[in-house]
């Protein structure tokens, strides 16, 4: 299984309904290896995220080949839990 990059905000200490935490928890439970890339809570300061994923919304997952996946966090978590993260 390839390692992915989870682009998330700096508020990962907030658990429960926080979108970034939902996706991180789903990756952990599915055993998907990942590294974290933290970004500002301000969209205007997410130039690196825009350059890497083409958008400024968090969370986002960047794959080793450079393409990115972004959806609502509940949809991202469901896709990860279903084992379909790496399907196109």
PDB file of N, CA and C in Angstrom:
ATOM      1  N   UNK A   1       0.854  -1.178   0.000  1.00  0.00           N
ATOM      2  CA  UNK A   1       0.000   0.000   0.000  1.00  0.00           C
ATOM      3  C   UNK A   1       0.898   1.238   0.000  1.00  0.00           C
ATOM      4  N   UNK A   2       0.632   2.142  -0.891  1.00  0.00           N
ATOM      5  CA  UNK A   2       1.464   3.335  -0.985  1.00  0.00           C
ATOM      6  C   UNK A   2       1.163   4.317   0.139  1.00  0.00           C
ATOM      7  N   UNK A   3       2.153   5.107   0.469  1.00  0.00           N
ATOM      8  CA  UNK A   3       2.005   6.136   1.491  1.00  0.00           C
ATOM      9  C   UNK A   3       1.374   7.360   0.853  1.00  0.00           C
ATOM     10  N   UNK A   4       0.445   7.989   1.565  1.00  0.00           N
ATOM     11  CA  UNK A   4      -0.216   9.192   1.078  1.00  0.00           C
ATOM     12  C   UNK A   4       0.139  10.353   1.999  1.00  0.00           C
ATOM     13  N   UNK A   5      -0.173  11.548   1.556  1.00  0.00           N
ATOM     14  CA  UNK A   5      -0.003  12.739   2.380  1.00  0.00           C
ATOM     15  C   UNK A   5      -1.387  13.274   2.715  1.00  0.00           C
ATOM     16  N   UNK A   6      -1.658  13.403   4.004  1.00  0.00           N
ATOM     17  CA  UNK A   6      -2.921  13.986   4.458  1.00  0.00           C
ATOM     18  C   UNK A   6      -2.683  15.461   4.720  1.00  0.00           C
ATOM     19  N   UNK A   7      -3.279  16.293   3.898  1.00  0.00           N
ATOM     20  CA  UNK A   7      -3.209  17.740   4.084  1.00  0.00           C
ATOM     21  C   UNK A   7      -4.330  18.118   5.031  1.00  0.00           C
ATOM     22  N   UNK A   8      -3.957  18.745   6.149  1.00  0.00           N
ATOM     23  CA  UNK A   8      -4.947  19.068   7.176  1.00  0.00           C
ATOM     24  C   UNK A   8      -4.606  20.412   7.815  1.00  0.00           C
ATOM     25  N   UNK A   9      -5.510  20.873   8.672  1.00  0.00           N
ATOM     26  CA  UNK A   9      -5.295  22.150   9.348  1.00  0.00           C
ATOM     27  C   UNK A   9      -4.421  21.951  10.581  1.00  0.00           C
ATOM     28  N   UNK A  10      -4.122  23.038  11.252  1.00  0.00           N
ATOM     29  CA  UNK A  10      -3.297  22.995  12.451  1.00  0.00           C
ATOM     30  C   UNK A  10      -4.093  22.650  13.705  1.00  0.00           C
ATOM     31  N   UNK A  11      -5.354  22.300  13.555  1.00  0.00           N
ATOM     32  CA  UNK A  11      -6.221  22.039  14.705  1.00  0.00           C
ATOM     33  C   UNK A  11      -6.529  20.557  14.844  1.00  0.00           C
ATOM     34  N   UNK A  12      -5.544  19.704  14.590  1.00  0.00           N
ATOM     35  CA  UNK A  12      -5.751  18.256  14.674  1.00  0.00           C
ATOM     36  C   UNK A  12      -5.996  17.797  16.103  1.00  0.00           C
ATOM     37  N   UNK A  13      -5.728  18.625  17.090  1.00  0.00           N
ATOM     38  CA  UNK A  13      -5.981  18.253  18.479  1.00  0.00           C
ATOM     39  C   UNK A  13      -7.471  18.258  18.794  1.00  0.00           C
ATOM     40  N   UNK A  14      -8.279  18.862  17.919  1.00  0.00           N
ATOM     41  CA  UNK A  14      -9.733  18.848  18.103  1.00  0.00           C
ATOM     42  C   UNK A  14     -10.239  17.516  17.547  1.00  0.00           C
ATOM     43  N   UNK A  15     -10.841  16.727  18.394  1.00  0.00           N
ATOM     44  CA  UNK A  15     -11.336  15.418  17.970  1.00  0.00           C
ATOM     45  C   UNK A  15     -12.844  15.485  17.731  1.00  0.00           C
ATOM     46  N   UNK A  16     -13.443  14.340  17.558  1.00  0.00           N
ATOM     47  CA  UNK A  16     -14.894  14.299  17.358  1.00  0.00           C
ATOM     48  C   UNK A  16     -15.287  14.658  15.948  1.00  0.00           C
ATOM     49  N   UNK A  17     -16.113  15.681  15.793  1.00  0.00           N
ATOM     50  CA  UNK A  17     -16.656  15.979  14.458  1.00  0.00           C
ATOM     51  C   UNK A  17     -15.726  16.764  13.544  1.00  0.00           C
ATOM     52  N   UNK A  18     -14.525  17.076  13.989  1.00  0.00           N
ATOM     53  CA  UNK A  18     -13.617  17.879  13.160  1.00  0.00           C
ATOM     54  C   UNK A  18     -13.292  17.120  11.876  1.00  0.00           C
ATOM     55  N   UNK A  19     -13.449  17.753  10.705  1.00  0.00           N
ATOM     56  CA  UNK A  19     -13.245  17.070   9.421  1.00  0.00           C
ATOM     57  C   UNK A  19     -11.862  16.434   9.251  1.00  0.00           C
ATOM     58  N   UNK A  20     -10.821  17.140   9.630  1.00  0.00           N
ATOM     59  CA  UNK A  20      -9.472  16.582   9.465  1.00  0.00           C
ATOM     60  C   UNK A  20      -9.284  15.355  10.358  1.00  0.00           C
ATOM     61  N   UNK A  21      -9.824  15.407  11.556  1.00  0.00           N
ATOM     62  CA  UNK A  21      -9.707  14.272  12.471  1.00  0.00           C
ATOM     63  C   UNK A  21     -10.474  13.066  11.941  1.00  0.00           C
ATOM     64  N   UNK A  22     -11.644  13.286  11.356  1.00  0.00           N
ATOM     65  CA  UNK A  22     -12.422  12.168  10.794  1.00  0.00           C
ATOM     66  C   UNK A  22     -11.611  11.396   9.761  1.00  0.00           C
ATOM     67  N   UNK A  23     -10.968  12.123   8.872  1.00  0.00           N
ATOM     68  CA  UNK A  23     -10.207  11.484   7.802  1.00  0.00           C
ATOM     69  C   UNK A  23      -8.951  10.826   8.366  1.00  0.00           C
ATOM     70  N   UNK A  24      -8.289  11.480   9.296  1.00  0.00           N
ATOM     71  CA  UNK A  24      -7.096  10.887   9.903  1.00  0.00           C
ATOM     72  C   UNK A  24      -7.449   9.587  10.636  1.00  0.00           C
ATOM     73  N   UNK A  25      -8.545   9.601  11.354  1.00  0.00           N
ATOM     74  CA  UNK A  25      -8.991   8.405  12.083  1.00  0.00           C
ATOM     75  C   UNK A  25      -9.299   7.276  11.102  1.00  0.00           C
ATOM     76  N   UNK A  26      -9.944   7.590   9.992  1.00  0.00           N
ATOM     77  CA  UNK A  26     -10.267   6.572   8.983  1.00  0.00           C
ATOM     78  C   UNK A  26      -8.988   5.973   8.394  1.00  0.00           C
ATOM     79  N   UNK A  27      -7.983   6.807   8.130  1.00  0.00           N
ATOM     80  CA  UNK A  27      -6.702   6.303   7.624  1.00  0.00           C
ATOM     81  C   UNK A  27      -6.043   5.381   8.649  1.00  0.00           C
ATOM     82  N   UNK A  28      -6.062   5.800   9.911  1.00  0.00           N
ATOM     83  CA  UNK A  28      -5.484   4.974  10.978  1.00  0.00           C
ATOM     84  C   UNK A  28      -6.185   3.619  11.058  1.00  0.00           C
ATOM     85  N   UNK A  29      -7.517   3.633  11.067  1.00  0.00           N
ATOM     86  CA  UNK A  29      -8.291   2.398  11.206  1.00  0.00           C
ATOM     87  C   UNK A  29      -8.107   1.464  10.012  1.00  0.00           C
ATOM     88  N   UNK A  30      -7.892   2.043   8.837  1.00  0.00           N
ATOM     89  CA  UNK A  30      -7.703   1.234   7.630  1.00  0.00           C
ATOM     90  C   UNK A  30      -6.245   0.784   7.459  1.00  0.00           C
ATOM     91  N   UNK A  31      -5.365   1.310   8.288  1.00  0.00           N
ATOM     92  CA  UNK A  31      -3.958   0.938   8.197  1.00  0.00           C
ATOM     93  C   UNK A  31      -3.236   1.539   7.007  1.00  0.00           C
ATOM     94  N   UNK A  32      -3.738   2.661   6.519  1.00  0.00           N
ATOM     95  CA  UNK A  32      -3.110   3.334   5.378  1.00  0.00           C
ATOM     96  C   UNK A  32      -1.952   4.188   5.896  1.00  0.00           C
ATOM     97  N   UNK A  33      -0.732   3.960   5.417  1.00  0.00           N
ATOM     98  CA  UNK A  33       0.393   4.793   5.861  1.00  0.00           C
ATOM     99  C   UNK A  33       0.278   6.201   5.275  1.00  0.00           C
ATOM    100  N   UNK A  34       0.556   7.182   6.128  1.00  0.00           N
ATOM    101  CA  UNK A  34       0.434   8.574   5.666  1.00  0.00           C
ATOM    102  C   UNK A  34       1.397   9.461   6.429  1.00  0.00           C
ATOM    103  N   UNK A  35       1.636  10.609   5.853  1.00  0.00           N
ATOM    104  CA  UNK A  35       2.361  11.664   6.543  1.00  0.00           C
ATOM    105  C   UNK A  35       1.442  12.868   6.582  1.00  0.00           C
ATOM    106  N   UNK A  36       1.631  13.715   7.575  1.00  0.00           N
ATOM    107  CA  UNK A  36       0.793  14.896   7.724  1.00  0.00           C
ATOM    108  C   UNK A  36       1.466  16.116   7.133  1.00  0.00           C
ATOM    109  N   UNK A  37       0.680  16.941   6.479  1.00  0.00           N
ATOM    110  CA  UNK A  37       1.133  18.240   6.000  1.00  0.00           C
ATOM    111  C   UNK A  37       0.136  19.253   6.549  1.00  0.00           C
ATOM    112  N   UNK A  38       0.579  20.033   7.529  1.00  0.00           N
ATOM    113  CA  UNK A  38      -0.310  21.003   8.181  1.00  0.00           C
ATOM    114  C   UNK A  38      -0.350  22.307   7.386  1.00  0.00           C
ATOM    115  N   UNK A  39      -1.535  22.904   7.365  1.00  0.00           N
ATOM    116  CA  UNK A  39      -1.742  24.161   6.653  1.00  0.00           C
ATOM    117  C   UNK A  39      -2.498  25.136   7.547  1.00  0.00           C
ATOM    118  N   UNK A  40      -2.424  26.391   7.212  1.00  0.00           N
ATOM    119  CA  UNK A  40      -3.089  27.445   7.962  1.00  0.00           C
ATOM    120  C   UNK A  40      -4.604  27.276   7.923  1.00  0.00           C
ATOM    121  N   UNK A  41      -5.260  27.765   8.964  1.00  0.00           N
ATOM    122  CA  UNK A  41      -6.724  27.748   8.950  1.00  0.00           C
ATOM    123  C   UNK A  41      -7.268  28.783   7.961  1.00  0.00           C
ATOM    124  N   UNK A  42      -6.435  29.727   7.553  1.00  0.00           N
ATOM    125  CA  UNK A  42      -6.841  30.760   6.608  1.00  0.00           C
ATOM    126  C   UNK A  42      -6.598  30.294   5.173  1.00  0.00           C
ATOM    127  N   UNK A  43      -7.653  30.253   4.377  1.00  0.00           N
ATOM    128  CA  UNK A  43      -7.517  29.812   2.986  1.00  0.00           C
ATOM    129  C   UNK A  43      -6.540  30.679   2.202  1.00  0.00           C
ATOM    130  N   UNK A  44      -6.482  31.949   2.526  1.00  0.00           N
ATOM    131  CA  UNK A  44      -5.597  32.860   1.799  1.00  0.00           C
ATOM    132  C   UNK A  44      -4.119  32.538   2.023  1.00  0.00           C
ATOM    133  N   UNK A  45      -3.805  31.726   3.028  1.00  0.00           N
ATOM    134  CA  UNK A  45      -2.412  31.377   3.323  1.00  0.00           C
ATOM    135  C   UNK A  45      -2.102  29.931   2.959  1.00  0.00           C
ATOM    136  N   UNK A  46      -2.878  29.362   2.060  1.00  0.00           N
ATOM    137  CA  UNK A  46      -2.682  27.968   1.660  1.00  0.00           C
ATOM    138  C   UNK A  46      -2.119  27.841   0.242  1.00  0.00           C
ATOM    139  N   UNK A  47      -1.157  28.672  -0.092  1.00  0.00           N
ATOM    140  CA  UNK A  47      -0.565  28.654  -1.434  1.00  0.00           C
ATOM    141  C   UNK A  47       0.055  27.293  -1.756  1.00  0.00           C
ATOM    142  N   UNK A  48       0.753  26.702  -0.783  1.00  0.00           N
ATOM    143  CA  UNK A  48       1.387  25.399  -1.004  1.00  0.00           C
ATOM    144  C   UNK A  48       0.333  24.327  -1.279  1.00  0.00           C
ATOM    145  N   UNK A  49      -0.751  24.367  -0.547  1.00  0.00           N
ATOM    146  CA  UNK A  49      -1.834  23.401  -0.765  1.00  0.00           C
ATOM    147  C   UNK A  49      -2.414  23.561  -2.165  1.00  0.00           C
ATOM    148  N   UNK A  50      -2.676  24.791  -2.577  1.00  0.00           N
ATOM    149  CA  UNK A  50      -3.207  25.046  -3.924  1.00  0.00           C
ATOM    150  C   UNK A  50      -2.249  24.540  -4.991  1.00  0.00           C
ATOM    151  N   UNK A  51      -0.967  24.744  -4.777  1.00  0.00           N
ATOM    152  CA  UNK A  51       0.030  24.308  -5.751  1.00  0.00           C
ATOM    153  C   UNK A  51       0.083  22.785  -5.850  1.00  0.00           C
ATOM    154  N   UNK A  52      -0.114  22.105  -4.747  1.00  0.00           N
ATOM    155  CA  UNK A  52       0.017  20.645  -4.733  1.00  0.00           C
ATOM    156  C   UNK A  52      -1.269  19.914  -5.082  1.00  0.00           C
ATOM    157  N   UNK A  53      -2.437  20.489  -4.705  1.00  0.00           N
ATOM    158  CA  UNK A  53      -3.706  19.774  -4.911  1.00  0.00           C
ATOM    159  C   UNK A  53      -4.669  20.494  -5.848  1.00  0.00           C
ATOM    160  N   UNK A  54      -4.389  21.746  -6.160  1.00  0.00           N
ATOM    161  CA  UNK A  54      -5.273  22.502  -7.039  1.00  0.00           C
ATOM    162  C   UNK A  54      -6.469  23.116  -6.334  1.00  0.00           C
ATOM    163  N   UNK A  55      -6.485  23.074  -5.007  1.00  0.00           N
ATOM    164  CA  UNK A  55      -7.594  23.645  -4.253  1.00  0.00           C
ATOM    165  C   UNK A  55      -7.099  24.140  -2.904  1.00  0.00           C
ATOM    166  N   UNK A  56      -8.002  24.810  -2.166  1.00  0.00           N
ATOM    167  CA  UNK A  56      -7.585  25.331  -0.864  1.00  0.00           C
ATOM    168  C   UNK A  56      -8.475  24.831   0.268  1.00  0.00           C
ATOM    169  N   UNK A  57      -9.189  23.744   0.053  1.00  0.00           N
ATOM    170  CA  UNK A  57     -10.089  23.197   1.058  1.00  0.00           C
ATOM    171  C   UNK A  57      -9.443  21.980   1.722  1.00  0.00           C
ATOM    172  N   UNK A  58      -9.594  21.891   3.030  1.00  0.00           N
ATOM    173  CA  UNK A  58      -9.051  20.784   3.816  1.00  0.00           C
ATOM    174  C   UNK A  58     -10.179  19.927   4.380  1.00  0.00           C
ATOM    175  N   UNK A  59      -9.925  18.671   4.643  1.00  0.00           N
ATOM    176  CA  UNK A  59      -8.725  17.909   4.371  1.00  0.00           C
ATOM    177  C   UNK A  59      -8.654  17.485   2.904  1.00  0.00           C
ATOM    178  N   UNK A  60      -7.454  17.123   2.496  1.00  0.00           N
ATOM    179  CA  UNK A  60      -7.218  16.602   1.151  1.00  0.00           C
ATOM    180  C   UNK A  60      -6.144  15.523   1.256  1.00  0.00           C
ATOM    181  N   UNK A  61      -6.199  14.568   0.351  1.00  0.00           N
ATOM    182  CA  UNK A  61      -5.208  13.501   0.326  1.00  0.00           C
ATOM    183  C   UNK A  61      -4.444  13.598  -0.984  1.00  0.00           C
ATOM    184  N   UNK A  62      -3.125  13.597  -0.866  1.00  0.00           N
ATOM    185  CA  UNK A  62      -2.258  13.627  -2.042  1.00  0.00           C
ATOM    186  C   UNK A  62      -1.582  12.264  -2.164  1.00  0.00           C
ATOM    187  N   UNK A  63      -1.648  11.681  -3.342  1.00  0.00           N
ATOM    188  CA  UNK A  63      -1.065  10.372  -3.588  1.00  0.00           C
ATOM    189  C   UNK A  63       0.374  10.515  -4.071  1.00  0.00           C
ATOM    190  N   UNK A  64       1.117   9.420  -4.039  1.00  0.00           N
ATOM    191  CA  UNK A  64       2.532   9.428  -4.413  1.00  0.00           C
ATOM    192  C   UNK A  64       2.755   9.913  -5.841  1.00  0.00           C
ATOM    193  N   UNK A  65       1.788   9.650  -6.731  1.00  0.00           N
ATOM    194  CA  UNK A  65       1.953  10.077  -8.123  1.00  0.00           C
ATOM    195  C   UNK A  65       1.602  11.548  -8.341  1.00  0.00           C
ATOM    196  N   UNK A  66       1.198  12.247  -7.262  1.00  0.00           N
ATOM    197  CA  UNK A  66       0.930  13.675  -7.356  1.00  0.00           C
ATOM    198  C   UNK A  66      -0.521  14.069  -7.488  1.00  0.00           C
ATOM    199  N   UNK A  67      -1.422  13.111  -7.787  1.00  0.00           N
ATOM    200  CA  UNK A  67      -2.820  13.514  -7.887  1.00  0.00           C
ATOM    201  C   UNK A  67      -3.428  13.596  -6.492  1.00  0.00           C
ATOM    202  N   UNK A  68      -4.516  14.338  -6.375  1.00  0.00           N
ATOM    203  CA  UNK A  68      -5.126  14.593  -5.077  1.00  0.00           C
ATOM    204  C   UNK A  68      -6.586  14.166  -5.074  1.00  0.00           C
ATOM    205  N   UNK A  69      -7.073  13.877  -3.873  1.00  0.00           N
ATOM    206  CA  UNK A  69      -8.472  13.512  -3.664  1.00  0.00           C
ATOM    207  C   UNK A  69      -9.041  14.414  -2.588  1.00  0.00           C
ATOM    208  N   UNK A  70     -10.189  15.008  -2.872  1.00  0.00           N
ATOM    209  CA  UNK A  70     -10.867  15.886  -1.925  1.00  0.00           C
ATOM    210  C   UNK A  70     -12.361  15.689  -2.079  1.00  0.00           C
ATOM    211  N   UNK A  71     -13.045  15.505  -0.954  1.00  0.00           N
ATOM    212  CA  UNK A  71     -14.509  15.415  -0.901  1.00  0.00           C
ATOM    213  C   UNK A  71     -14.902  15.845   0.506  1.00  0.00           C
ATOM    214  N   UNK A  72     -16.174  15.807   0.820  1.00  0.00           N
ATOM    215  CA  UNK A  72     -16.600  16.071   2.192  1.00  0.00           C
ATOM    216  C   UNK A  72     -15.954  15.019   3.086  1.00  0.00           C
ATOM    217  N   UNK A  73     -15.602  15.387   4.300  1.00  0.00           N
ATOM    218  CA  UNK A  73     -14.848  14.476   5.173  1.00  0.00           C
ATOM    219  C   UNK A  73     -15.594  13.174   5.428  1.00  0.00           C
ATOM    220  N   UNK A  74     -16.910  13.213   5.559  1.00  0.00           N
ATOM    221  CA  UNK A  74     -17.669  11.971   5.791  1.00  0.00           C
ATOM    222  C   UNK A  74     -17.574  11.051   4.576  1.00  0.00           C
ATOM    223  N   UNK A  75     -17.561  11.621   3.377  1.00  0.00           N
ATOM    224  CA  UNK A  75     -17.430  10.827   2.158  1.00  0.00           C
ATOM    225  C   UNK A  75     -16.015  10.276   2.023  1.00  0.00           C
ATOM    226  N   UNK A  76     -15.031  11.083   2.392  1.00  0.00           N
ATOM    227  CA  UNK A  76     -13.644  10.615   2.354  1.00  0.00           C
ATOM    228  C   UNK A  76     -13.459   9.459   3.334  1.00  0.00           C
ATOM    229  N   UNK A  77     -13.982   9.608   4.556  1.00  0.00           N
ATOM    230  CA  UNK A  77     -13.851   8.560   5.571  1.00  0.00           C
ATOM    231  C   UNK A  77     -14.558   7.279   5.130  1.00  0.00           C
ATOM    232  N   UNK A  78     -15.717   7.408   4.514  1.00  0.00           N
ATOM    233  CA  UNK A  78     -16.454   6.231   4.041  1.00  0.00           C
ATOM    234  C   UNK A  78     -15.683   5.514   2.932  1.00  0.00           C
ATOM    235  N   UNK A  79     -15.100   6.274   2.021  1.00  0.00           N
ATOM    236  CA  UNK A  79     -14.319   5.671   0.928  1.00  0.00           C
ATOM    237  C   UNK A  79     -13.094   4.938   1.477  1.00  0.00           C
ATOM    238  N   UNK A  80     -12.446   5.539   2.453  1.00  0.00           N
ATOM    239  CA  UNK A  80     -11.275   4.903   3.070  1.00  0.00           C
ATOM    240  C   UNK A  80     -11.700   3.622   3.778  1.00  0.00           C
ATOM    241  N   UNK A  81     -12.776   3.686   4.564  1.00  0.00           N
ATOM    242  CA  UNK A  81     -13.264   2.531   5.312  1.00  0.00           C
ATOM    243  C   UNK A  81     -13.684   1.393   4.390  1.00  0.00           C
ATOM    244  N   UNK A  82     -14.186   1.734   3.222  1.00  0.00           N
ATOM    245  CA  UNK A  82     -14.623   0.722   2.248  1.00  0.00           C
ATOM    246  C   UNK A  82     -13.447   0.119   1.468  1.00  0.00           C
ATOM    247  N   UNK A  83     -12.244   0.634   1.712  1.00  0.00           N
ATOM    248  CA  UNK A  83     -11.063   0.107   1.029  1.00  0.00           C
ATOM    249  C   UNK A  83     -10.945   0.587  -0.404  1.00  0.00           C
ATOM    250  N   UNK A  84     -11.578   1.719  -0.724  1.00  0.00           N
ATOM    251  CA  UNK A  84     -11.595   2.207  -2.097  1.00  0.00           C
ATOM    252  C   UNK A  84     -10.769   3.484  -2.307  1.00  0.00           C
ATOM    253  N   UNK A  85      -9.914   3.803  -1.346  1.00  0.00           N
ATOM    254  CA  UNK A  85      -9.137   5.046  -1.446  1.00  0.00           C
ATOM    255  C   UNK A  85      -8.276   5.077  -2.702  1.00  0.00           C
ATOM    256  N   UNK A  86      -7.700   3.942  -3.072  1.00  0.00           N
ATOM    257  CA  UNK A  86      -6.752   3.930  -4.183  1.00  0.00           C
ATOM    258  C   UNK A  86      -7.405   3.633  -5.522  1.00  0.00           C
ATOM    259  N   UNK A  87      -8.742   3.552  -5.557  1.00  0.00           N
ATOM    260  CA  UNK A  87      -9.449   3.362  -6.832  1.00  0.00           C
ATOM    261  C   UNK A  87      -9.642   4.717  -7.497  1.00  0.00           C
ATOM    262  N   UNK A  88      -9.518   4.772  -8.786  1.00  0.00           N
ATOM    263  CA  UNK A  88      -9.657   6.031  -9.522  1.00  0.00           C
ATOM    264  C   UNK A  88     -11.081   6.512  -9.513  1.00  0.00           C
TER     265      UNK A  88
END
